[in-house]
Amino acid sequence: MASIVPRHVAATLLAIPHAQHVVAAAAAKSATGTAGLALLVVLVVGGILLAAAISAARGLAAVLAELARFAAMMMSAVVLTTVVILMVLALVIH
């Protein structure tokens, strides 16, 4: 690591004079680059919001599934209780 940093700095300093044509081309493309950057930011933010919405939908689906399971369990208990009461009434009447 200690030998990489000085070599990297030296290579960067030596490459600066040769990179002037890249700077001129980048300056010419800055208007389109800004629009592209804005589009990229919008897409990234949209993706983050979409991921958050999907996560919330999964959580809501899990809660609704548990609620449906609980409702089915309660309905089963009500039906069983009704059947037992009707059987007891039938035994008492006869």
PDB file of N, CA and C in Angstrom:
ATOM      1  N   MET A   1       0.823  -1.182   0.000  1.00  0.00           N
ATOM      2  CA  MET A   1       0.000   0.000   0.000  1.00  0.00           C
ATOM      3  C   MET A   1       0.870   1.250   0.000  1.00  0.00           C
ATOM      4  N   ALA A   2       1.949   1.215   0.746  1.00  0.00           N
ATOM      5  CA  ALA A   2       2.816   2.396   0.827  1.00  0.00           C
ATOM      6  C   ALA A   2       3.518   2.669  -0.486  1.00  0.00           C
ATOM      7  N   SER A   3       3.759   1.658  -1.303  1.00  0.00           N
ATOM      8  CA  SER A   3       4.433   1.897  -2.579  1.00  0.00           C
ATOM      9  C   SER A   3       3.439   2.222  -3.690  1.00  0.00           C
ATOM     10  N   ILE A   4       2.165   1.923  -3.501  1.00  0.00           N
ATOM     11  CA  ILE A   4       1.171   2.186  -4.539  1.00  0.00           C
ATOM     12  C   ILE A   4       0.824   3.663  -4.595  1.00  0.00           C
ATOM     13  N   VAL A   5       0.687   4.284  -3.430  1.00  0.00           N
ATOM     14  CA  VAL A   5       0.237   5.681  -3.391  1.00  0.00           C
ATOM     15  C   VAL A   5       1.216   6.621  -4.095  1.00  0.00           C
ATOM     16  N   PRO A   6       2.522   6.561  -3.822  1.00  0.00           N
ATOM     17  CA  PRO A   6       3.417   7.470  -4.546  1.00  0.00           C
ATOM     18  C   PRO A   6       3.416   7.241  -6.059  1.00  0.00           C
ATOM     19  N   ARG A   7       3.304   5.990  -6.463  1.00  0.00           N
ATOM     20  CA  ARG A   7       3.273   5.697  -7.908  1.00  0.00           C
ATOM     21  C   ARG A   7       1.995   6.240  -8.535  1.00  0.00           C
ATOM     22  N   HIS A   8       0.904   6.120  -7.832  1.00  0.00           N
ATOM     23  CA  HIS A   8      -0.371   6.639  -8.341  1.00  0.00           C
ATOM     24  C   HIS A   8      -0.324   8.165  -8.465  1.00  0.00           C
ATOM     25  N   VAL A   9       0.237   8.822  -7.466  1.00  0.00           N
ATOM     26  CA  VAL A   9       0.363  10.286  -7.511  1.00  0.00           C
ATOM     27  C   VAL A   9       1.273  10.705  -8.661  1.00  0.00           C
ATOM     28  N   ALA A  10       2.387  10.011  -8.838  1.00  0.00           N
ATOM     29  CA  ALA A  10       3.313  10.348  -9.921  1.00  0.00           C
ATOM     30  C   ALA A  10       2.659  10.133 -11.284  1.00  0.00           C
ATOM     31  N   ALA A  11       1.918   9.048 -11.445  1.00  0.00           N
ATOM     32  CA  ALA A  11       1.248   8.787 -12.722  1.00  0.00           C
ATOM     33  C   ALA A  11       0.180   9.836 -13.000  1.00  0.00           C
ATOM     34  N   THR A  12      -0.524  10.256 -11.956  1.00  0.00           N
ATOM     35  CA  THR A  12      -1.547  11.287 -12.136  1.00  0.00           C
ATOM     36  C   THR A  12      -0.925  12.608 -12.544  1.00  0.00           C
ATOM     37  N   LEU A  13       0.173  12.993 -11.883  1.00  0.00           N
ATOM     38  CA  LEU A  13       0.837  14.255 -12.213  1.00  0.00           C
ATOM     39  C   LEU A  13       1.420  14.237 -13.616  1.00  0.00           C
ATOM     40  N   LEU A  14       1.911  13.092 -14.051  1.00  0.00           N
ATOM     41  CA  LEU A  14       2.459  12.999 -15.395  1.00  0.00           C
ATOM     42  C   LEU A  14       1.365  12.976 -16.458  1.00  0.00           C
ATOM     43  N   ALA A  15       0.172  12.526 -16.098  1.00  0.00           N
ATOM     44  CA  ALA A  15      -0.904  12.416 -17.086  1.00  0.00           C
ATOM     45  C   ALA A  15      -1.679  13.717 -17.256  1.00  0.00           C
ATOM     46  N   ILE A  16      -1.551  14.660 -16.334  1.00  0.00           N
ATOM     47  CA  ILE A  16      -2.329  15.906 -16.402  1.00  0.00           C
ATOM     48  C   ILE A  16      -2.069  16.693 -17.685  1.00  0.00           C
ATOM     49  N   PRO A  17      -0.817  16.893 -18.114  1.00  0.00           N
ATOM     50  CA  PRO A  17      -0.618  17.666 -19.357  1.00  0.00           C
ATOM     51  C   PRO A  17      -1.223  16.992 -20.584  1.00  0.00           C
ATOM     52  N   HIS A  18      -1.308  15.679 -20.587  1.00  0.00           N
ATOM     53  CA  HIS A  18      -1.838  14.959 -21.736  1.00  0.00           C
ATOM     54  C   HIS A  18      -3.363  14.885 -21.717  1.00  0.00           C
ATOM     55  N   ALA A  19      -3.977  15.313 -20.637  1.00  0.00           N
ATOM     56  CA  ALA A  19      -5.424  15.186 -20.501  1.00  0.00           C
ATOM     57  C   ALA A  19      -6.169  16.460 -20.847  1.00  0.00           C
ATOM     58  N   GLN A  20      -5.508  17.454 -21.441  1.00  0.00           N
ATOM     59  CA  GLN A  20      -6.181  18.719 -21.746  1.00  0.00           C
ATOM     60  C   GLN A  20      -7.273  18.544 -22.799  1.00  0.00           C
ATOM     61  N   HIS A  21      -7.077  17.643 -23.754  1.00  0.00           N
ATOM     62  CA  HIS A  21      -8.123  17.426 -24.764  1.00  0.00           C
ATOM     63  C   HIS A  21      -9.358  16.780 -24.143  1.00  0.00           C
ATOM     64  N   VAL A  22      -9.167  16.004 -23.091  1.00  0.00           N
ATOM     65  CA  VAL A  22     -10.307  15.401 -22.395  1.00  0.00           C
ATOM     66  C   VAL A  22     -11.096  16.481 -21.664  1.00  0.00           C
ATOM     67  N   VAL A  23     -10.404  17.447 -21.080  1.00  0.00           N
ATOM     68  CA  VAL A  23     -11.075  18.541 -20.368  1.00  0.00           C
ATOM     69  C   VAL A  23     -11.883  19.375 -21.350  1.00  0.00           C
ATOM     70  N   ALA A  24     -11.321  19.653 -22.539  1.00  0.00           N
ATOM     71  CA  ALA A  24     -12.047  20.444 -23.535  1.00  0.00           C
ATOM     72  C   ALA A  24     -13.288  19.694 -24.018  1.00  0.00           C
ATOM     73  N   ALA A  25     -13.180  18.412 -24.229  1.00  0.00           N
ATOM     74  CA  ALA A  25     -14.338  17.627 -24.657  1.00  0.00           C
ATOM     75  C   ALA A  25     -15.385  17.558 -23.559  1.00  0.00           C
ATOM     76  N   ALA A  26     -14.937  17.469 -22.315  1.00  0.00           N
ATOM     77  CA  ALA A  26     -15.884  17.422 -21.198  1.00  0.00           C
ATOM     78  C   ALA A  26     -16.608  18.750 -21.060  1.00  0.00           C
ATOM     79  N   ALA A  27     -15.926  19.854 -21.304  1.00  0.00           N
ATOM     80  CA  ALA A  27     -16.573  21.163 -21.229  1.00  0.00           C
ATOM     81  C   ALA A  27     -17.626  21.306 -22.319  1.00  0.00           C
ATOM     82  N   ALA A  28     -17.368  20.745 -23.487  1.00  0.00           N
ATOM     83  CA  ALA A  28     -18.336  20.820 -24.580  1.00  0.00           C
ATOM     84  C   ALA A  28     -19.566  19.968 -24.282  1.00  0.00           C
ATOM     85  N   LYS A  29     -19.386  18.899 -23.553  1.00  0.00           N
ATOM     86  CA  LYS A  29     -20.491  18.001 -23.260  1.00  0.00           C
ATOM     87  C   LYS A  29     -21.152  18.297 -21.919  1.00  0.00           C
ATOM     88  N   SER A  30     -20.792  19.370 -21.253  1.00  0.00           N
ATOM     89  CA  SER A  30     -21.303  19.608 -19.899  1.00  0.00           C
ATOM     90  C   SER A  30     -22.806  19.826 -19.877  1.00  0.00           C
ATOM     91  N   ALA A  31     -23.371  20.432 -20.923  1.00  0.00           N
ATOM     92  CA  ALA A  31     -24.819  20.660 -20.935  1.00  0.00           C
ATOM     93  C   ALA A  31     -25.558  19.332 -21.009  1.00  0.00           C
ATOM     94  N   THR A  32     -25.123  18.460 -21.899  1.00  0.00           N
ATOM     95  CA  THR A  32     -25.785  17.157 -21.995  1.00  0.00           C
ATOM     96  C   THR A  32     -25.429  16.288 -20.806  1.00  0.00           C
ATOM     97  N   GLY A  33     -24.260  16.485 -20.269  1.00  0.00           N
ATOM     98  CA  GLY A  33     -23.870  15.716 -19.091  1.00  0.00           C
ATOM     99  C   GLY A  33     -24.726  16.065 -17.882  1.00  0.00           C
ATOM    100  N   THR A  34     -25.079  17.342 -17.756  1.00  0.00           N
ATOM    101  CA  THR A  34     -25.925  17.766 -16.649  1.00  0.00           C
ATOM    102  C   THR A  34     -27.324  17.179 -16.776  1.00  0.00           C
ATOM    103  N   ALA A  35     -27.861  17.183 -17.989  1.00  0.00           N
ATOM    104  CA  ALA A  35     -29.184  16.596 -18.211  1.00  0.00           C
ATOM    105  C   ALA A  35     -29.144  15.091 -17.945  1.00  0.00           C
ATOM    106  N   GLY A  36     -28.082  14.450 -18.388  1.00  0.00           N
ATOM    107  CA  GLY A  36     -27.940  13.018 -18.133  1.00  0.00           C
ATOM    108  C   GLY A  36     -27.797  12.717 -16.655  1.00  0.00           C
ATOM    109  N   LEU A  37     -27.081  13.569 -15.953  1.00  0.00           N
ATOM    110  CA  LEU A  37     -26.926  13.393 -14.510  1.00  0.00           C
ATOM    111  C   LEU A  37     -28.257  13.579 -13.804  1.00  0.00           C
ATOM    112  N   ALA A  38     -29.021  14.574 -14.231  1.00  0.00           N
ATOM    113  CA  ALA A  38     -30.341  14.799 -13.629  1.00  0.00           C
ATOM    114  C   ALA A  38     -31.247  13.592 -13.871  1.00  0.00           C
ATOM    115  N   LEU A  39     -31.198  13.055 -15.075  1.00  0.00           N
ATOM    116  CA  LEU A  39     -31.993  11.871 -15.382  1.00  0.00           C
ATOM    117  C   LEU A  39     -31.554  10.688 -14.529  1.00  0.00           C
ATOM    118  N   LEU A  40     -30.257  10.534 -14.357  1.00  0.00           N
ATOM    119  CA  LEU A  40     -29.741   9.450 -13.522  1.00  0.00           C
ATOM    120  C   LEU A  40     -30.206   9.600 -12.083  1.00  0.00           C
ATOM    121  N   VAL A  41     -30.169  10.821 -11.565  1.00  0.00           N
ATOM    122  CA  VAL A  41     -30.622  11.065 -10.191  1.00  0.00           C
ATOM    123  C   VAL A  41     -32.107  10.742 -10.064  1.00  0.00           C
ATOM    124  N   VAL A  42     -32.911  11.156 -11.045  1.00  0.00           N
ATOM    125  CA  VAL A  42     -34.342  10.876 -11.011  1.00  0.00           C
ATOM    126  C   VAL A  42     -34.590   9.368 -11.048  1.00  0.00           C
ATOM    127  N   LEU A  43     -33.855   8.659 -11.888  1.00  0.00           N
ATOM    128  CA  LEU A  43     -34.027   7.209 -11.970  1.00  0.00           C
ATOM    129  C   LEU A  43     -33.625   6.515 -10.673  1.00  0.00           C
ATOM    130  N   VAL A  44     -32.538   6.958 -10.056  1.00  0.00           N
ATOM    131  CA  VAL A  44     -32.091   6.345  -8.804  1.00  0.00           C
ATOM    132  C   VAL A  44     -33.105   6.607  -7.695  1.00  0.00           C
ATOM    133  N   VAL A  45     -33.577   7.849  -7.595  1.00  0.00           N
ATOM    134  CA  VAL A  45     -34.579   8.172  -6.573  1.00  0.00           C
ATOM    135  C   VAL A  45     -35.869   7.392  -6.830  1.00  0.00           C
ATOM    136  N   GLY A  46     -36.265   7.293  -8.084  1.00  0.00           N
ATOM    137  CA  GLY A  46     -37.452   6.500  -8.430  1.00  0.00           C
ATOM    138  C   GLY A  46     -37.285   5.041  -8.062  1.00  0.00           C
ATOM    139  N   GLY A  47     -36.103   4.501  -8.303  1.00  0.00           N
ATOM    140  CA  GLY A  47     -35.843   3.112  -7.930  1.00  0.00           C
ATOM    141  C   GLY A  47     -35.894   2.905  -6.432  1.00  0.00           C
ATOM    142  N   ILE A  48     -35.362   3.858  -5.691  1.00  0.00           N
ATOM    143  CA  ILE A  48     -35.399   3.756  -4.226  1.00  0.00           C
ATOM    144  C   ILE A  48     -36.836   3.810  -3.731  1.00  0.00           C
ATOM    145  N   LEU A  49     -37.630   4.728  -4.282  1.00  0.00           N
ATOM    146  CA  LEU A  49     -39.033   4.822  -3.882  1.00  0.00           C
ATOM    147  C   LEU A  49     -39.809   3.571  -4.260  1.00  0.00           C
ATOM    148  N   LEU A  50     -39.513   3.013  -5.426  1.00  0.00           N
ATOM    149  CA  LEU A  50     -40.178   1.781  -5.848  1.00  0.00           C
ATOM    150  C   LEU A  50     -39.820   0.623  -4.925  1.00  0.00           C
ATOM    151  N   ALA A  51     -38.557   0.538  -4.535  1.00  0.00           N
ATOM    152  CA  ALA A  51     -38.142  -0.523  -3.610  1.00  0.00           C
ATOM    153  C   ALA A  51     -38.827  -0.366  -2.254  1.00  0.00           C
ATOM    154  N   ALA A  52     -38.978   0.879  -1.790  1.00  0.00           N
ATOM    155  CA  ALA A  52     -39.666   1.122  -0.519  1.00  0.00           C
ATOM    156  C   ALA A  52     -41.139   0.744  -0.621  1.00  0.00           C
ATOM    157  N   ALA A  53     -41.765   1.054  -1.755  1.00  0.00           N
ATOM    158  CA  ALA A  53     -43.174   0.708  -1.940  1.00  0.00           C
ATOM    159  C   ALA A  53     -43.362  -0.806  -1.998  1.00  0.00           C
ATOM    160  N   ILE A  54     -42.443  -1.507  -2.651  1.00  0.00           N
ATOM    161  CA  ILE A  54     -42.528  -2.966  -2.719  1.00  0.00           C
ATOM    162  C   ILE A  54     -42.354  -3.574  -1.337  1.00  0.00           C
ATOM    163  N   SER A  55     -41.428  -3.041  -0.571  1.00  0.00           N
ATOM    164  CA  SER A  55     -41.223  -3.527   0.789  1.00  0.00           C
ATOM    165  C   SER A  55     -42.463  -3.302   1.648  1.00  0.00           C
ATOM    166  N   ALA A  56     -43.080  -2.126   1.520  1.00  0.00           N
ATOM    167  CA  ALA A  56     -44.298  -1.840   2.274  1.00  0.00           C
ATOM    168  C   ALA A  56     -45.438  -2.756   1.837  1.00  0.00           C
ATOM    169  N   ALA A  57     -45.525  -3.036   0.553  1.00  0.00           N
ATOM    170  CA  ALA A  57     -46.577  -3.931   0.054  1.00  0.00           C
ATOM    171  C   ALA A  57     -46.380  -5.346   0.586  1.00  0.00           C
ATOM    172  N   ARG A  58     -45.138  -5.795   0.670  1.00  0.00           N
ATOM    173  CA  ARG A  58     -44.878  -7.126   1.234  1.00  0.00           C
ATOM    174  C   ARG A  58     -45.291  -7.180   2.702  1.00  0.00           C
ATOM    175  N   GLY A  59     -44.976  -6.128   3.440  1.00  0.00           N
ATOM    176  CA  GLY A  59     -45.373  -6.076   4.843  1.00  0.00           C
ATOM    177  C   GLY A  59     -46.885  -6.075   4.999  1.00  0.00           C
ATOM    178  N   LEU A  60     -47.577  -5.293   4.163  1.00  0.00           N
ATOM    179  CA  LEU A  60     -49.029  -5.246   4.204  1.00  0.00           C
ATOM    180  C   LEU A  60     -49.626  -6.601   3.842  1.00  0.00           C
ATOM    181  N   ALA A  61     -49.063  -7.272   2.854  1.00  0.00           N
ATOM    182  CA  ALA A  61     -49.547  -8.594   2.469  1.00  0.00           C
ATOM    183  C   ALA A  61     -49.372  -9.590   3.613  1.00  0.00           C
ATOM    184  N   ALA A  62     -48.264  -9.507   4.326  1.00  0.00           N
ATOM    185  CA  ALA A  62     -48.041 -10.405   5.457  1.00  0.00           C
ATOM    186  C   ALA A  62     -49.055 -10.140   6.569  1.00  0.00           C
ATOM    187  N   VAL A  63     -49.324  -8.866   6.838  1.00  0.00           N
ATOM    188  CA  VAL A  63     -50.307  -8.524   7.873  1.00  0.00           C
ATOM    189  C   VAL A  63     -51.702  -9.012   7.471  1.00  0.00           C
ATOM    190  N   LEU A  64     -52.076  -8.813   6.212  1.00  0.00           N
ATOM    191  CA  LEU A  64     -53.383  -9.263   5.747  1.00  0.00           C
ATOM    192  C   LEU A  64     -53.505 -10.787   5.774  1.00  0.00           C
ATOM    193  N   ALA A  65     -52.417 -11.483   5.476  1.00  0.00           N
ATOM    194  CA  ALA A  65     -52.442 -12.945   5.537  1.00  0.00           C
ATOM    195  C   ALA A  65     -52.646 -13.419   6.972  1.00  0.00           C
ATOM    196  N   GLU A  66     -51.979 -12.775   7.914  1.00  0.00           N
ATOM    197  CA  GLU A  66     -52.172 -13.135   9.324  1.00  0.00           C
ATOM    198  C   GLU A  66     -53.601 -12.820   9.778  1.00  0.00           C
ATOM    199  N   LEU A  67     -54.139 -11.705   9.314  1.00  0.00           N
ATOM    200  CA  LEU A  67     -55.508 -11.344   9.659  1.00  0.00           C
ATOM    201  C   LEU A  67     -56.502 -12.371   9.099  1.00  0.00           C
ATOM    202  N   ALA A  68     -56.290 -12.802   7.867  1.00  0.00           N
ATOM    203  CA  ALA A  68     -57.159 -13.817   7.267  1.00  0.00           C
ATOM    204  C   ALA A  68     -57.046 -15.143   8.016  1.00  0.00           C
ATOM    205  N   ARG A  69     -55.837 -15.500   8.426  1.00  0.00           N
ATOM    206  CA  ARG A  69     -55.652 -16.739   9.187  1.00  0.00           C
ATOM    207  C   ARG A  69     -56.371 -16.660  10.520  1.00  0.00           C
ATOM    208  N   PHE A  70     -56.272 -15.510  11.182  1.00  0.00           N
ATOM    209  CA  PHE A  70     -56.947 -15.321  12.469  1.00  0.00           C
ATOM    210  C   PHE A  70     -58.470 -15.362  12.295  1.00  0.00           C
ATOM    211  N   ALA A  71     -58.980 -14.722  11.218  1.00  0.00           N
ATOM    212  CA  ALA A  71     -60.417 -14.736  10.959  1.00  0.00           C
ATOM    213  C   ALA A  71     -60.908 -16.153  10.689  1.00  0.00           C
ATOM    214  N   ALA A  72     -60.144 -16.943   9.969  1.00  0.00           N
ATOM    215  CA  ALA A  72     -60.523 -18.336   9.707  1.00  0.00           C
ATOM    216  C   ALA A  72     -60.524 -19.146  10.994  1.00  0.00           C
ATOM    217  N   MET A  73     -59.552 -18.902  11.860  1.00  0.00           N
ATOM    218  CA  MET A  73     -59.500 -19.614  13.137  1.00  0.00           C
ATOM    219  C   MET A  73     -60.707 -19.250  14.003  1.00  0.00           C
ATOM    220  N   MET A  74     -61.061 -17.966  14.030  1.00  0.00           N
ATOM    221  CA  MET A  74     -62.215 -17.533  14.823  1.00  0.00           C
ATOM    222  C   MET A  74     -63.516 -18.091  14.249  1.00  0.00           C
ATOM    223  N   MET A  75     -63.637 -18.128  12.951  1.00  0.00           N
ATOM    224  CA  MET A  75     -64.837 -18.681  12.318  1.00  0.00           C
ATOM    225  C   MET A  75     -64.965 -20.158  12.628  1.00  0.00           C
ATOM    226  N   SER A  76     -63.864 -20.862  12.614  1.00  0.00           N
ATOM    227  CA  SER A  76     -63.875 -22.281  12.964  1.00  0.00           C
ATOM    228  C   SER A  76     -64.341 -22.467  14.402  1.00  0.00           C
ATOM    229  N   ALA A  77     -63.861 -21.627  15.291  1.00  0.00           N
ATOM    230  CA  ALA A  77     -64.277 -21.722  16.692  1.00  0.00           C
ATOM    231  C   ALA A  77     -65.766 -21.421  16.844  1.00  0.00           C
ATOM    232  N   VAL A  78     -66.284 -20.436  16.116  1.00  0.00           N
ATOM    233  CA  VAL A  78     -67.710 -20.094  16.191  1.00  0.00           C
ATOM    234  C   VAL A  78     -68.565 -21.241  15.661  1.00  0.00           C
ATOM    235  N   VAL A  79     -68.173 -21.818  14.544  1.00  0.00           N
ATOM    236  CA  VAL A  79     -68.935 -22.939  13.967  1.00  0.00           C
ATOM    237  C   VAL A  79     -68.901 -24.138  14.911  1.00  0.00           C
ATOM    238  N   LEU A  80     -67.762 -24.437  15.474  1.00  0.00           N
ATOM    239  CA  LEU A  80     -67.653 -25.563  16.404  1.00  0.00           C
ATOM    240  C   LEU A  80     -68.510 -25.326  17.641  1.00  0.00           C
ATOM    241  N   THR A  81     -68.488 -24.106  18.170  1.00  0.00           N
ATOM    242  CA  THR A  81     -69.306 -23.779  19.334  1.00  0.00           C
ATOM    243  C   THR A  81     -70.794 -23.905  19.006  1.00  0.00           C
ATOM    244  N   THR A  82     -71.206 -23.450  17.841  1.00  0.00           N
ATOM    245  CA  THR A  82     -72.604 -23.554  17.417  1.00  0.00           C
ATOM    246  C   THR A  82     -73.025 -25.007  17.299  1.00  0.00           C
ATOM    247  N   VAL A  83     -72.193 -25.851  16.733  1.00  0.00           N
ATOM    248  CA  VAL A  83     -72.510 -27.271  16.596  1.00  0.00           C
ATOM    249  C   VAL A  83     -72.643 -27.923  17.967  1.00  0.00           C
ATOM    250  N   VAL A  84     -71.754 -27.609  18.883  1.00  0.00           N
ATOM    251  CA  VAL A  84     -71.820 -28.182  20.233  1.00  0.00           C
ATOM    252  C   VAL A  84     -73.099 -27.738  20.939  1.00  0.00           C
ATOM    253  N   ILE A  85     -73.445 -26.450  20.826  1.00  0.00           N
ATOM    254  CA  ILE A  85     -74.667 -25.943  21.457  1.00  0.00           C
ATOM    255  C   ILE A  85     -75.894 -26.632  20.868  1.00  0.00           C
ATOM    256  N   LEU A  86     -75.934 -26.786  19.536  1.00  0.00           N
ATOM    257  CA  LEU A  86     -77.083 -27.473  18.907  1.00  0.00           C
ATOM    258  C   LEU A  86     -77.162 -28.936  19.345  1.00  0.00           C
ATOM    259  N   MET A  87     -76.036 -29.607  19.509  1.00  0.00           N
ATOM    260  CA  MET A  87     -76.064 -30.996  19.962  1.00  0.00           C
ATOM    261  C   MET A  87     -76.555 -31.095  21.404  1.00  0.00           C
ATOM    262  N   VAL A  88     -76.125 -30.185  22.257  1.00  0.00           N
ATOM    263  CA  VAL A  88     -76.585 -30.180  23.653  1.00  0.00           C
ATOM    264  C   VAL A  88     -78.076 -29.900  23.720  1.00  0.00           C
ATOM    265  N   LEU A  89     -78.552 -28.940  22.913  1.00  0.00           N
ATOM    266  CA  LEU A  89     -79.994 -28.652  22.865  1.00  0.00           C
ATOM    267  C   LEU A  89     -80.781 -29.868  22.364  1.00  0.00           C
ATOM    268  N   ALA A  90     -80.272 -30.550  21.374  1.00  0.00           N
ATOM    269  CA  ALA A  90     -80.953 -31.735  20.853  1.00  0.00           C
ATOM    270  C   ALA A  90     -81.019 -32.831  21.926  1.00  0.00           C
ATOM    271  N   LEU A  91     -79.962 -32.993  22.734  1.00  0.00           N
ATOM    272  CA  LEU A  91     -79.972 -33.996  23.794  1.00  0.00           C
ATOM    273  C   LEU A  91     -80.935 -33.595  24.914  1.00  0.00           C
ATOM    274  N   VAL A  92     -80.998 -32.313  25.228  1.00  0.00           N
ATOM    275  CA  VAL A  92     -81.868 -31.841  26.298  1.00  0.00           C
ATOM    276  C   VAL A  92     -83.343 -31.957  25.889  1.00  0.00           C
ATOM    277  N   ILE A  93     -83.647 -31.639  24.659  1.00  0.00           N
ATOM    278  CA  ILE A  93     -85.040 -31.692  24.179  1.00  0.00           C
ATOM    279  C   ILE A  93     -85.540 -33.124  24.152  1.00  0.00           C
ATOM    280  N   HIS A  94     -84.730 -34.085  23.772  1.00  0.00           N
ATOM    281  CA  HIS A  94     -85.157 -35.480  23.680  1.00  0.00           C
ATOM    282  C   HIS A  94     -85.032 -36.081  25.005  1.00  0.00           C
TER     283      HIS A  94
END
